[in-house]
Protein backbone atom coordinates (compact mmCIF):
# COMPACT_ATOMS: atom_id res chain seq x y z
CA UNK A 1 8.49 -10.98 -22.45
CA UNK A 2 8.62 -7.26 -21.16
CA UNK A 3 6.46 -8.03 -18.47
CA UNK A 4 8.67 -10.77 -17.44
CA UNK A 5 11.74 -8.42 -17.65
CA UNK A 6 9.97 -5.78 -15.50
CA UNK A 7 9.04 -8.39 -12.89
CA UNK A 8 12.72 -9.97 -12.90
CA UNK A 9 13.99 -6.26 -12.13
CA UNK A 10 11.68 -5.89 -9.54
CA UNK A 11 12.45 -9.00 -7.74
CA UNK A 12 16.20 -8.27 -8.06
CA UNK A 13 15.49 -4.56 -6.60
CA UNK A 14 13.51 -6.13 -3.97
CA UNK A 15 16.22 -8.39 -2.75
CA UNK A 16 18.93 -5.89 -3.17
CA UNK A 17 16.87 -3.09 -1.14
CA UNK A 18 15.63 -6.02 1.49
CA UNK A 19 12.12 -5.28 0.31
CA UNK A 20 11.12 -8.92 0.68
CA UNK A 21 7.16 -7.71 -0.19
CA UNK A 22 8.13 -6.36 -3.38
CA UNK A 23 10.39 -9.53 -4.13
CA UNK A 24 7.93 -12.01 -3.46
CA UNK A 25 5.02 -10.29 -5.07
CA UNK A 26 6.75 -10.07 -8.16
CA UNK A 27 8.28 -13.51 -8.12
CA UNK A 28 4.56 -14.79 -7.52
CA UNK A 29 3.40 -12.80 -10.62
CA UNK A 30 6.27 -14.13 -12.62
CA UNK A 31 5.25 -17.56 -11.75
CA UNK A 32 1.70 -17.00 -12.45
CA UNK A 33 2.15 -15.39 -15.63
CA UNK A 34 4.59 -18.18 -16.99
CA UNK A 35 2.58 -21.14 -16.00
CA UNK A 36 -0.92 -22.46 -16.48
CA UNK A 37 -1.78 -20.57 -13.24
CA UNK A 38 -1.79 -17.42 -15.54
CA UNK A 39 -5.74 -18.13 -15.54
CA UNK A 40 -5.77 -16.94 -11.95
CA UNK A 41 -4.55 -13.65 -12.68
CA UNK A 42 -7.94 -12.30 -12.99
CA UNK A 43 -8.79 -13.72 -9.59
CA UNK A 44 -5.80 -11.90 -8.06
CA UNK A 45 -6.81 -8.60 -9.51
CA UNK A 46 -10.30 -8.88 -8.42
CA UNK A 47 -9.69 -10.12 -4.95
CA UNK A 48 -6.08 -9.04 -4.02
CA UNK A 49 -6.70 -5.55 -2.71
CA UNK A 50 -9.31 -6.94 -0.57
CA UNK A 51 -7.23 -9.89 0.64
CA UNK A 52 -4.12 -7.55 1.28
CA UNK A 53 -6.58 -5.35 3.45
CA UNK A 54 -7.70 -8.41 5.15
CA UNK A 55 -4.53 -9.53 6.32
CA UNK A 56 -3.29 -5.77 7.13
CA UNK A 57 -6.33 -5.62 9.23
CA UNK A 58 -5.91 -8.74 11.02
CA UNK A 59 -2.18 -7.57 12.11
CA UNK A 60 -3.34 -4.49 13.24
CA UNK A 61 -6.17 -6.01 15.43
CA UNK A 62 -3.92 -8.43 17.23
CA UNK A 63 -2.77 -6.05 20.12
CA UNK A 64 -6.52 -5.40 20.79
CA UNK A 65 -7.15 -9.21 21.67
CA UNK A 66 -3.89 -9.66 23.46
CA UNK A 67 -4.15 -6.73 25.55
CA UNK A 68 -7.43 -6.85 27.59
CA UNK A 69 -6.58 -3.59 29.03
CA UNK A 70 -6.92 -1.93 25.94
CA UNK A 71 -10.60 -3.11 25.55
CA UNK A 72 -11.55 -1.62 28.72
CA UNK A 73 -10.02 1.62 28.02
CA UNK A 74 -11.55 2.27 24.58
CA UNK A 75 -14.10 4.86 25.69
CA UNK A 76 -11.49 6.72 27.39
CA UNK A 77 -9.13 6.38 24.40
CA UNK A 78 -11.37 7.68 21.97
CA UNK A 79 -12.80 10.54 24.05
CA UNK A 80 -9.39 11.88 24.57
CA UNK A 81 -8.04 14.98 22.52
CA UNK A 82 -5.49 12.35 20.68
CA UNK A 83 -8.23 9.81 20.48
CA UNK A 84 -10.56 12.21 18.65
CA UNK A 85 -7.58 12.93 16.20
CA UNK A 86 -6.87 9.17 15.71
CA UNK A 87 -10.67 8.75 14.56
CA UNK A 88 -10.38 12.01 12.43
CA UNK A 89 -7.43 10.35 11.02
CA UNK A 90 -8.71 7.04 10.25
CA UNK A 91 -11.62 8.66 8.56
CA UNK A 92 -9.42 10.98 6.45
CA UNK A 93 -7.07 7.93 5.59
CA UNK A 94 -10.00 6.06 4.23
CA UNK A 95 -10.94 9.15 2.02
CA UNK A 96 -7.44 9.76 0.54
CA UNK A 97 -6.69 6.00 0.20
CA UNK A 98 -9.79 5.75 -1.82
CA UNK A 99 -8.62 8.73 -3.91
CA UNK A 100 -5.34 7.14 -4.49
CA UNK A 101 -6.80 3.77 -5.62
CA UNK A 102 -8.74 6.12 -8.37
CA UNK A 103 -5.70 7.90 -9.28
CA UNK A 104 -3.64 4.60 -10.00
CA UNK A 105 -6.62 2.55 -11.75
CA UNK A 106 -6.76 5.97 -14.04
CA UNK A 107 -3.23 6.22 -14.29
CA UNK A 108 -1.35 2.82 -13.86
CA UNK A 109 1.91 3.80 -15.24
CA UNK A 110 2.54 5.61 -12.00
CA UNK A 111 2.59 2.31 -10.02
CA UNK A 112 6.49 1.88 -11.19
CA UNK A 113 7.34 5.34 -9.67
CA UNK A 114 5.53 4.33 -6.51
CA UNK A 115 7.41 0.91 -6.16
CA UNK A 116 10.71 2.71 -7.19
CA UNK A 117 10.15 5.48 -4.48
CA UNK A 118 9.17 2.70 -2.12
CA UNK A 119 12.38 0.61 -2.77
CA UNK A 120 14.23 3.94 -2.34
CA UNK A 121 12.39 4.47 0.96
CA UNK A 122 13.24 1.06 2.47
CA UNK A 123 16.80 1.20 1.38
CA UNK A 124 18.03 4.77 2.23
CA UNK A 125 15.30 6.29 4.37
CA UNK A 126 14.57 3.08 6.93
CA UNK A 127 10.98 3.21 5.68
CA UNK A 128 8.61 0.40 5.63
CA UNK A 129 6.96 -0.83 2.53
CA UNK A 130 3.19 -0.24 3.33
CA UNK A 131 2.29 -0.35 -0.29
CA UNK A 132 0.69 1.70 -2.92
CA UNK A 133 -2.44 2.78 -1.37
CA UNK A 134 -0.89 5.30 1.00
CA UNK A 135 1.61 6.51 -1.76
CA UNK A 136 -1.25 6.82 -4.32
CA UNK A 137 -2.87 8.85 -1.10
CA UNK A 138 0.31 10.83 -0.66
CA UNK A 139 0.39 11.45 -4.33
CA UNK A 140 -3.03 12.66 -4.39
CA UNK A 141 -2.25 15.15 -1.78
CA UNK A 142 0.92 16.54 -3.45
CA UNK A 143 -0.96 17.13 -6.84
CA UNK A 144 -3.98 18.77 -4.95
CA UNK A 145 -1.32 21.37 -3.44
CA UNK A 146 0.61 21.79 -6.57
CA UNK A 147 -2.91 22.54 -8.13
CA UNK A 148 -3.40 25.26 -5.43
CA UNK A 149 -0.20 26.92 -6.65
CA UNK A 150 -1.24 26.56 -10.33
CA UNK A 151 0.86 23.59 -11.29
CA UNK A 152 -0.96 21.07 -12.96
CA UNK A 153 -0.17 17.55 -14.40
């Protein structure tokens, strides 16, 4: 019952903050846990991240197939200073996102804070809810910086 209350609260917050992703995901989970579909919860848990990343990657790759000029200028793009920085940024993002996933797996109680932060960002800061991976990665970076100053959690 507590899980249902949390999901209802997230649905409400998602709707109020115009964060459709959080509202729809929470509604899907609410339906899943309150019906015979609950047996598929482990499937969502096992494959959900990979499926989400698949759809995000599909979205990101669409400009490459719609704009043929991009394909012809790839070598120029990745050898320019900003292109090299984009390659470095992509590599660093994978490392940080992996550390963010590890942090959230080890401390799942942080997920609610990340969701609330996402709702605040969408509602008041004009942000886009890209998900807990990036938030976890940023949290890892913040914790690392705090550790440098002797502040430990």
